[in-house]
Amino acid sequence: MHQIRYFLAVAREGQFTRAARECRVSQPSLSRAIMQLESELGGPLFRRGPGPAQLTELGAMVEPFLSAILNTAQTAKSTARHFSGAKN
């Protein structure tokens, strides 16, 4: 899940450094997680270089799916906490 959070933060912030700060991780850790996600998905998700990090075609294609996954996971976590609290 952290790889998805990091990806979405970079997409939103346009910078790996700002995204790392937002996610409260080091920039190298965030970059490694993004590289692992890119490996799993089969290609680069961002154009890196001078200026802001921009989504590649693959990054733009998967962004709505990854956003939906994160939202669903957060809803599931909230539901589980509510359920556990109601049982106690």
PDB file of N, CA and C in Angstrom:
ATOM      1  N   MET A   1       0.820  -1.190   0.000  1.00  0.00           N
ATOM      2  CA  MET A   1       0.000   0.000   0.000  1.00  0.00           C
ATOM      3  C   MET A   1       0.869   1.260   0.000  1.00  0.00           C
ATOM      4  N   HIS A   2       2.033   1.180   0.663  1.00  0.00           N
ATOM      5  CA  HIS A   2       2.866   2.374   0.719  1.00  0.00           C
ATOM      6  C   HIS A   2       3.344   2.797  -0.668  1.00  0.00           C
ATOM      7  N   GLN A   3       3.597   1.841  -1.555  1.00  0.00           N
ATOM      8  CA  GLN A   3       4.025   2.201  -2.905  1.00  0.00           C
ATOM      9  C   GLN A   3       2.946   3.028  -3.607  1.00  0.00           C
ATOM     10  N   ILE A   4       1.704   2.659  -3.413  1.00  0.00           N
ATOM     11  CA  ILE A   4       0.600   3.383  -4.032  1.00  0.00           C
ATOM     12  C   ILE A   4       0.490   4.776  -3.426  1.00  0.00           C
ATOM     13  N   ARG A   5       0.587   4.871  -2.097  1.00  0.00           N
ATOM     14  CA  ARG A   5       0.539   6.187  -1.441  1.00  0.00           C
ATOM     15  C   ARG A   5       1.647   7.088  -1.960  1.00  0.00           C
ATOM     16  N   TYR A   6       2.836   6.534  -2.096  1.00  0.00           N
ATOM     17  CA  TYR A   6       3.976   7.320  -2.554  1.00  0.00           C
ATOM     18  C   TYR A   6       3.775   7.762  -4.004  1.00  0.00           C
ATOM     19  N   PHE A   7       3.328   6.849  -4.851  1.00  0.00           N
ATOM     20  CA  PHE A   7       3.067   7.183  -6.253  1.00  0.00           C
ATOM     21  C   PHE A   7       2.079   8.343  -6.356  1.00  0.00           C
ATOM     22  N   LEU A   8       0.976   8.237  -5.626  1.00  0.00           N
ATOM     23  CA  LEU A   8      -0.053   9.278  -5.684  1.00  0.00           C
ATOM     24  C   LEU A   8       0.460  10.609  -5.134  1.00  0.00           C
ATOM     25  N   ALA A   9       1.320  10.561  -4.126  1.00  0.00           N
ATOM     26  CA  ALA A   9       1.892  11.791  -3.576  1.00  0.00           C
ATOM     27  C   ALA A   9       2.801  12.466  -4.601  1.00  0.00           C
ATOM     28  N   VAL A  10       3.625  11.696  -5.293  1.00  0.00           N
ATOM     29  CA  VAL A  10       4.497  12.280  -6.320  1.00  0.00           C
ATOM     30  C   VAL A  10       3.648  12.845  -7.457  1.00  0.00           C
ATOM     31  N   ALA A  11       2.620  12.117  -7.858  1.00  0.00           N
ATOM     32  CA  ALA A  11       1.742  12.599  -8.934  1.00  0.00           C
ATOM     33  C   ALA A  11       1.084  13.919  -8.537  1.00  0.00           C
ATOM     34  N   ARG A  12       0.692  14.032  -7.293  1.00  0.00           N
ATOM     35  CA  ARG A  12       0.010  15.235  -6.798  1.00  0.00           C
ATOM     36  C   ARG A  12       0.999  16.394  -6.613  1.00  0.00           C
ATOM     37  N   GLU A  13       2.147  16.106  -6.017  1.00  0.00           N
ATOM     38  CA  GLU A  13       3.120  17.149  -5.671  1.00  0.00           C
ATOM     39  C   GLU A  13       4.025  17.540  -6.839  1.00  0.00           C
ATOM     40  N   GLY A  14       4.268  16.605  -7.753  1.00  0.00           N
ATOM     41  CA  GLY A  14       5.155  16.883  -8.873  1.00  0.00           C
ATOM     42  C   GLY A  14       6.629  16.842  -8.526  1.00  0.00           C
ATOM     43  N   GLN A  15       6.943  16.460  -7.288  1.00  0.00           N
ATOM     44  CA  GLN A  15       8.336  16.363  -6.845  1.00  0.00           C
ATOM     45  C   GLN A  15       8.488  15.206  -5.869  1.00  0.00           C
ATOM     46  N   PHE A  16       9.571  14.473  -6.042  1.00  0.00           N
ATOM     47  CA  PHE A  16       9.839  13.358  -5.145  1.00  0.00           C
ATOM     48  C   PHE A  16      10.148  13.860  -3.733  1.00  0.00           C
ATOM     49  N   THR A  17      10.883  14.965  -3.625  1.00  0.00           N
ATOM     50  CA  THR A  17      11.264  15.482  -2.310  1.00  0.00           C
ATOM     51  C   THR A  17      10.037  15.925  -1.519  1.00  0.00           C
ATOM     52  N   ARG A  18       9.159  16.687  -2.144  1.00  0.00           N
ATOM     53  CA  ARG A  18       7.942  17.135  -1.449  1.00  0.00           C
ATOM     54  C   ARG A  18       7.043  15.953  -1.108  1.00  0.00           C
ATOM     55  N   ALA A  19       6.948  14.994  -2.016  1.00  0.00           N
ATOM     56  CA  ALA A  19       6.125  13.812  -1.763  1.00  0.00           C
ATOM     57  C   ALA A  19       6.676  13.022  -0.581  1.00  0.00           C
ATOM     58  N   ALA A  20       8.002  12.890  -0.498  1.00  0.00           N
ATOM     59  CA  ALA A  20       8.619  12.176   0.619  1.00  0.00           C
ATOM     60  C   ALA A  20       8.311  12.884   1.939  1.00  0.00           C
ATOM     61  N   ARG A  21       8.398  14.198   1.924  1.00  0.00           N
ATOM     62  CA  ARG A  21       8.079  14.972   3.127  1.00  0.00           C
ATOM     63  C   ARG A  21       6.617  14.753   3.527  1.00  0.00           C
ATOM     64  N   GLU A  22       5.719  14.804   2.556  1.00  0.00           N
ATOM     65  CA  GLU A  22       4.296  14.590   2.826  1.00  0.00           C
ATOM     66  C   GLU A  22       4.039  13.201   3.406  1.00  0.00           C
ATOM     67  N   CYS A  23       4.752  12.202   2.886  1.00  0.00           N
ATOM     68  CA  CYS A  23       4.564  10.814   3.329  1.00  0.00           C
ATOM     69  C   CYS A  23       5.397  10.474   4.567  1.00  0.00           C
ATOM     70  N   ARG A  24       6.228  11.425   4.989  1.00  0.00           N
ATOM     71  CA  ARG A  24       7.076  11.257   6.174  1.00  0.00           C
ATOM     72  C   ARG A  24       8.046  10.090   6.045  1.00  0.00           C
ATOM     73  N   VAL A  25       8.686  10.040   4.885  1.00  0.00           N
ATOM     74  CA  VAL A  25       9.733   9.050   4.628  1.00  0.00           C
ATOM     75  C   VAL A  25      10.905   9.780   3.979  1.00  0.00           C
ATOM     76  N   SER A  26      12.046   9.128   3.934  1.00  0.00           N
ATOM     77  CA  SER A  26      13.180   9.735   3.253  1.00  0.00           C
ATOM     78  C   SER A  26      12.953   9.685   1.745  1.00  0.00           C
ATOM     79  N   GLN A  27      13.570  10.610   1.048  1.00  0.00           N
ATOM     80  CA  GLN A  27      13.416  10.646  -0.408  1.00  0.00           C
ATOM     81  C   GLN A  27      13.979   9.385  -1.059  1.00  0.00           C
ATOM     82  N   PRO A  28      15.131   8.866  -0.610  1.00  0.00           N
ATOM     83  CA  PRO A  28      15.612   7.612  -1.206  1.00  0.00           C
ATOM     84  C   PRO A  28      14.648   6.437  -1.000  1.00  0.00           C
ATOM     85  N   SER A  29      14.009   6.361   0.169  1.00  0.00           N
ATOM     86  CA  SER A  29      13.035   5.282   0.419  1.00  0.00           C
ATOM     87  C   SER A  29      11.844   5.405  -0.517  1.00  0.00           C
ATOM     88  N   LEU A  30      11.361   6.627  -0.696  1.00  0.00           N
ATOM     89  CA  LEU A  30      10.236   6.851  -1.600  1.00  0.00           C
ATOM     90  C   LEU A  30      10.634   6.481  -3.027  1.00  0.00           C
ATOM     91  N   SER A  31      11.811   6.903  -3.448  1.00  0.00           N
ATOM     92  CA  SER A  31      12.271   6.598  -4.812  1.00  0.00           C
ATOM     93  C   SER A  31      12.401   5.097  -5.034  1.00  0.00           C
ATOM     94  N   ARG A  32      12.928   4.373  -4.045  1.00  0.00           N
ATOM     95  CA  ARG A  32      13.044   2.908  -4.168  1.00  0.00           C
ATOM     96  C   ARG A  32      11.672   2.265  -4.300  1.00  0.00           C
ATOM     97  N   ALA A  33      10.720   2.727  -3.508  1.00  0.00           N
ATOM     98  CA  ALA A  33       9.363   2.167  -3.567  1.00  0.00           C
ATOM     99  C   ALA A  33       8.729   2.429  -4.930  1.00  0.00           C
ATOM    100  N   ILE A  34       8.936   3.615  -5.467  1.00  0.00           N
ATOM    101  CA  ILE A  34       8.402   3.939  -6.800  1.00  0.00           C
ATOM    102  C   ILE A  34       9.058   3.045  -7.853  1.00  0.00           C
ATOM    103  N   MET A  35      10.367   2.836  -7.733  1.00  0.00           N
ATOM    104  CA  MET A  35      11.065   1.970  -8.683  1.00  0.00           C
ATOM    105  C   MET A  35      10.554   0.538  -8.605  1.00  0.00           C
ATOM    106  N   GLN A  36      10.243   0.059  -7.400  1.00  0.00           N
ATOM    107  CA  GLN A  36       9.677  -1.290  -7.247  1.00  0.00           C
ATOM    108  C   GLN A  36       8.302  -1.373  -7.905  1.00  0.00           C
ATOM    109  N   LEU A  37       7.493  -0.333  -7.712  1.00  0.00           N
ATOM    110  CA  LEU A  37       6.174  -0.303  -8.336  1.00  0.00           C
ATOM    111  C   LEU A  37       6.313  -0.273  -9.856  1.00  0.00           C
ATOM    112  N   GLU A  38       7.254   0.511 -10.358  1.00  0.00           N
ATOM    113  CA  GLU A  38       7.493   0.554 -11.802  1.00  0.00           C
ATOM    114  C   GLU A  38       7.900  -0.817 -12.321  1.00  0.00           C
ATOM    115  N   SER A  39       8.709  -1.520 -11.563  1.00  0.00           N
ATOM    116  CA  SER A  39       9.126  -2.867 -11.958  1.00  0.00           C
ATOM    117  C   SER A  39       7.924  -3.812 -12.003  1.00  0.00           C
ATOM    118  N   GLU A  40       7.064  -3.715 -11.014  1.00  0.00           N
ATOM    119  CA  GLU A  40       5.873  -4.572 -10.965  1.00  0.00           C
ATOM    120  C   GLU A  40       4.903  -4.258 -12.103  1.00  0.00           C
ATOM    121  N   LEU A  41       4.808  -2.981 -12.462  1.00  0.00           N
ATOM    122  CA  LEU A  41       3.847  -2.574 -13.494  1.00  0.00           C
ATOM    123  C   LEU A  41       4.432  -2.593 -14.899  1.00  0.00           C
ATOM    124  N   GLY A  42       5.745  -2.771 -15.004  1.00  0.00           N
ATOM    125  CA  GLY A  42       6.356  -2.980 -16.304  1.00  0.00           C
ATOM    126  C   GLY A  42       6.861  -1.757 -17.046  1.00  0.00           C
ATOM    127  N   GLY A  43       7.041  -0.646 -16.344  1.00  0.00           N
ATOM    128  CA  GLY A  43       7.596   0.520 -17.025  1.00  0.00           C
ATOM    129  C   GLY A  43       7.620   1.740 -16.136  1.00  0.00           C
ATOM    130  N   PRO A  44       8.268   2.803 -16.634  1.00  0.00           N
ATOM    131  CA  PRO A  44       8.368   4.028 -15.842  1.00  0.00           C
ATOM    132  C   PRO A  44       7.010   4.706 -15.683  1.00  0.00           C
ATOM    133  N   LEU A  45       6.775   5.223 -14.490  1.00  0.00           N
ATOM    134  CA  LEU A  45       5.522   5.912 -14.191  1.00  0.00           C
ATOM    135  C   LEU A  45       5.690   7.429 -14.254  1.00  0.00           C
ATOM    136  N   PHE A  46       6.942   7.900 -14.141  1.00  0.00           N
ATOM    137  CA  PHE A  46       7.229   9.335 -14.164  1.00  0.00           C
ATOM    138  C   PHE A  46       8.364   9.625 -15.125  1.00  0.00           C
ATOM    139  N   ARG A  47       8.313  10.810 -15.741  1.00  0.00           N
ATOM    140  CA  ARG A  47       9.447  11.353 -16.477  1.00  0.00           C
ATOM    141  C   ARG A  47      10.254  12.138 -15.468  1.00  0.00           C
ATOM    142  N   ARG A  48      11.486  11.710 -15.287  1.00  0.00           N
ATOM    143  CA  ARG A  48      12.363  12.372 -14.326  1.00  0.00           C
ATOM    144  C   ARG A  48      13.317  13.290 -15.071  1.00  0.00           C
ATOM    145  N   GLY A  49      13.735  14.318 -14.418  1.00  0.00           N
ATOM    146  CA  GLY A  49      14.682  15.234 -15.040  1.00  0.00           C
ATOM    147  C   GLY A  49      14.505  16.602 -14.428  1.00  0.00           C
ATOM    148  N   PRO A  50      15.043  17.586 -15.097  1.00  0.00           N
ATOM    149  CA  PRO A  50      14.862  18.937 -14.564  1.00  0.00           C
ATOM    150  C   PRO A  50      13.378  19.312 -14.594  1.00  0.00           C
ATOM    151  N   GLY A  51      12.975  20.004 -13.586  1.00  0.00           N
ATOM    152  CA  GLY A  51      11.569  20.399 -13.503  1.00  0.00           C
ATOM    153  C   GLY A  51      10.751  19.354 -12.778  1.00  0.00           C
ATOM    154  N   PRO A  52       9.446  19.530 -12.807  1.00  0.00           N
ATOM    155  CA  PRO A  52       8.575  18.623 -12.052  1.00  0.00           C
ATOM    156  C   PRO A  52       8.544  17.213 -12.639  1.00  0.00           C
ATOM    157  N   ALA A  53       8.321  16.242 -11.763  1.00  0.00           N
ATOM    158  CA  ALA A  53       8.123  14.860 -12.210  1.00  0.00           C
ATOM    159  C   ALA A  53       6.759  14.800 -12.893  1.00  0.00           C
ATOM    160  N   GLN A  54       6.733  14.296 -14.097  1.00  0.00           N
ATOM    161  CA  GLN A  54       5.490  14.215 -14.853  1.00  0.00           C
ATOM    162  C   GLN A  54       5.135  12.761 -15.103  1.00  0.00           C
ATOM    163  N   LEU A  55       3.837  12.474 -15.043  1.00  0.00           N
ATOM    164  CA  LEU A  55       3.388  11.124 -15.316  1.00  0.00           C
ATOM    165  C   LEU A  55       3.693  10.738 -16.756  1.00  0.00           C
ATOM    166  N   THR A  56       4.164   9.517 -16.934  1.00  0.00           N
ATOM    167  CA  THR A  56       4.289   8.962 -18.278  1.00  0.00           C
ATOM    168  C   THR A  56       2.899   8.518 -18.725  1.00  0.00           C
ATOM    169  N   GLU A  57       2.807   8.030 -19.922  1.00  0.00           N
ATOM    170  CA  GLU A  57       1.526   7.515 -20.412  1.00  0.00           C
ATOM    171  C   GLU A  57       1.053   6.360 -19.509  1.00  0.00           C
ATOM    172  N   LEU A  58       1.980   5.480 -19.127  1.00  0.00           N
ATOM    173  CA  LEU A  58       1.637   4.374 -18.223  1.00  0.00           C
ATOM    174  C   LEU A  58       1.181   4.914 -16.869  1.00  0.00           C
ATOM    175  N   GLY A  59       1.903   5.901 -16.334  1.00  0.00           N
ATOM    176  CA  GLY A  59       1.534   6.489 -15.051  1.00  0.00           C
ATOM    177  C   GLY A  59       0.141   7.087 -15.078  1.00  0.00           C
ATOM    178  N   ALA A  60      -0.161   7.816 -16.140  1.00  0.00           N
ATOM    179  CA  ALA A  60      -1.492   8.417 -16.278  1.00  0.00           C
ATOM    180  C   ALA A  60      -2.574   7.348 -16.421  1.00  0.00           C
ATOM    181  N   MET A  61      -2.230   6.249 -17.078  1.00  0.00           N
ATOM    182  CA  MET A  61      -3.197   5.178 -17.282  1.00  0.00           C
ATOM    183  C   MET A  61      -3.537   4.469 -15.968  1.00  0.00           C
ATOM    184  N   VAL A  62      -2.526   4.239 -15.100  1.00  0.00           N
ATOM    185  CA  VAL A  62      -2.769   3.478 -13.877  1.00  0.00           C
ATOM    186  C   VAL A  62      -3.196   4.343 -12.699  1.00  0.00           C
ATOM    187  N   GLU A  63      -2.996   5.657 -12.784  1.00  0.00           N
ATOM    188  CA  GLU A  63      -3.303   6.548 -11.660  1.00  0.00           C
ATOM    189  C   GLU A  63      -4.728   6.404 -11.141  1.00  0.00           C
ATOM    190  N   PRO A  64      -5.762   6.393 -11.989  1.00  0.00           N
ATOM    191  CA  PRO A  64      -7.113   6.264 -11.441  1.00  0.00           C
ATOM    192  C   PRO A  64      -7.348   4.921 -10.746  1.00  0.00           C
ATOM    193  N   PHE A  65      -6.724   3.875 -11.245  1.00  0.00           N
ATOM    194  CA  PHE A  65      -6.870   2.557 -10.620  1.00  0.00           C
ATOM    195  C   PHE A  65      -6.182   2.521  -9.253  1.00  0.00           C
ATOM    196  N   LEU A  66      -4.973   3.081  -9.194  1.00  0.00           N
ATOM    197  CA  LEU A  66      -4.247   3.092  -7.922  1.00  0.00           C
ATOM    198  C   LEU A  66      -4.940   3.992  -6.908  1.00  0.00           C
ATOM    199  N   SER A  67      -5.500   5.085  -7.371  1.00  0.00           N
ATOM    200  CA  SER A  67      -6.262   5.961  -6.486  1.00  0.00           C
ATOM    201  C   SER A  67      -7.478   5.225  -5.919  1.00  0.00           C
ATOM    202  N   ALA A  68      -8.174   4.495  -6.769  1.00  0.00           N
ATOM    203  CA  ALA A  68      -9.342   3.727  -6.323  1.00  0.00           C
ATOM    204  C   ALA A  68      -8.945   2.640  -5.326  1.00  0.00           C
ATOM    205  N   ILE A  69      -7.798   1.991  -5.569  1.00  0.00           N
ATOM    206  CA  ILE A  69      -7.311   0.965  -4.644  1.00  0.00           C
ATOM    207  C   ILE A  69      -7.049   1.563  -3.276  1.00  0.00           C
ATOM    208  N   LEU A  70      -6.370   2.713  -3.239  1.00  0.00           N
ATOM    209  CA  LEU A  70      -6.066   3.344  -1.962  1.00  0.00           C
ATOM    210  C   LEU A  70      -7.345   3.763  -1.249  1.00  0.00           C
ATOM    211  N   ASN A  71      -8.281   4.351  -1.965  1.00  0.00           N
ATOM    212  CA  ASN A  71      -9.555   4.753  -1.359  1.00  0.00           C
ATOM    213  C   ASN A  71     -10.313   3.553  -0.808  1.00  0.00           C
ATOM    214  N   THR A  72     -10.333   2.462  -1.553  1.00  0.00           N
ATOM    215  CA  THR A  72     -11.018   1.249  -1.105  1.00  0.00           C
ATOM    216  C   THR A  72     -10.341   0.676   0.132  1.00  0.00           C
ATOM    217  N   ALA A  73      -9.023   0.666   0.147  1.00  0.00           N
ATOM    218  CA  ALA A  73      -8.289   0.152   1.308  1.00  0.00           C
ATOM    219  C   ALA A  73      -8.557   1.004   2.540  1.00  0.00           C
ATOM    220  N   GLN A  74      -8.603   2.319   2.362  1.00  0.00           N
ATOM    221  CA  GLN A  74      -8.886   3.207   3.494  1.00  0.00           C
ATOM    222  C   GLN A  74     -10.310   3.000   4.008  1.00  0.00           C
ATOM    223  N   THR A  75     -11.257   2.782   3.110  1.00  0.00           N
ATOM    224  CA  THR A  75     -12.638   2.511   3.510  1.00  0.00           C
ATOM    225  C   THR A  75     -12.724   1.186   4.259  1.00  0.00           C
ATOM    226  N   ALA A  76     -12.020   0.174   3.770  1.00  0.00           N
ATOM    227  CA  ALA A  76     -12.015  -1.129   4.443  1.00  0.00           C
ATOM    228  C   ALA A  76     -11.426  -1.014   5.845  1.00  0.00           C
ATOM    229  N   LYS A  77     -10.353  -0.258   5.971  1.00  0.00           N
ATOM    230  CA  LYS A  77      -9.713  -0.072   7.280  1.00  0.00           C
ATOM    231  C   LYS A  77     -10.658   0.648   8.240  1.00  0.00           C
ATOM    232  N   SER A  78     -11.305   1.683   7.760  1.00  0.00           N
ATOM    233  CA  SER A  78     -12.255   2.433   8.579  1.00  0.00           C
ATOM    234  C   SER A  78     -13.439   1.558   8.993  1.00  0.00           C
ATOM    235  N   THR A  79     -13.941   0.770   8.054  1.00  0.00           N
ATOM    236  CA  THR A  79     -15.053  -0.135   8.344  1.00  0.00           C
ATOM    237  C   THR A  79     -14.652  -1.166   9.390  1.00  0.00           C
ATOM    238  N   ALA A  80     -13.469  -1.717   9.252  1.00  0.00           N
ATOM    239  CA  ALA A  80     -12.990  -2.723  10.210  1.00  0.00           C
ATOM    240  C   ALA A  80     -12.827  -2.116  11.597  1.00  0.00           C
ATOM    241  N   ARG A  81     -12.289  -0.902  11.656  1.00  0.00           N
ATOM    242  CA  ARG A  81     -12.143  -0.237  12.969  1.00  0.00           C
ATOM    243  C   ARG A  81     -13.500   0.032  13.604  1.00  0.00           C
ATOM    244  N   HIS A  82     -14.442   0.475  12.797  1.00  0.00           N
ATOM    245  CA  HIS A  82     -15.790   0.741  13.308  1.00  0.00           C
ATOM    246  C   HIS A  82     -16.433  -0.542  13.812  1.00  0.00           C
ATOM    247  N   PHE A  83     -16.272  -1.623  13.049  1.00  0.00           N
ATOM    248  CA  PHE A  83     -16.832  -2.905  13.429  1.00  0.00           C
ATOM    249  C   PHE A  83     -16.199  -3.403  14.732  1.00  0.00           C
ATOM    250  N   SER A  84     -14.875  -3.306  14.811  1.00  0.00           N
ATOM    251  CA  SER A  84     -14.173  -3.768  16.016  1.00  0.00           C
ATOM    252  C   SER A  84     -14.575  -2.946  17.220  1.00  0.00           C
ATOM    253  N   GLY A  85     -14.751  -1.647  17.059  1.00  0.00           N
ATOM    254  CA  GLY A  85     -15.168  -0.782  18.140  1.00  0.00           C
ATOM    255  C   GLY A  85     -16.592  -1.071  18.581  1.00  0.00           C
ATOM    256  N   ALA A  86     -17.441  -1.415  17.645  1.00  0.00           N
ATOM    257  CA  ALA A  86     -18.852  -1.704  17.972  1.00  0.00           C
ATOM    258  C   ALA A  86     -18.999  -3.017  18.730  1.00  0.00           C
ATOM    259  N   LYS A  87     -18.088  -3.946  18.508  1.00  0.00           N
ATOM    260  CA  LYS A  87     -18.160  -5.251  19.187  1.00  0.00           C
ATOM    261  C   LYS A  87     -17.669  -5.175  20.631  1.00  0.00           C
ATOM    262  N   ASN A  88     -16.860  -4.167  20.945  1.00  0.00           N
ATOM    263  CA  ASN A  88     -16.275  -4.066  22.304  1.00  0.00           C
ATOM    264  C   ASN A  88     -17.191  -3.343  23.244  1.00  0.00           C
TER     265      ASN A  88
END
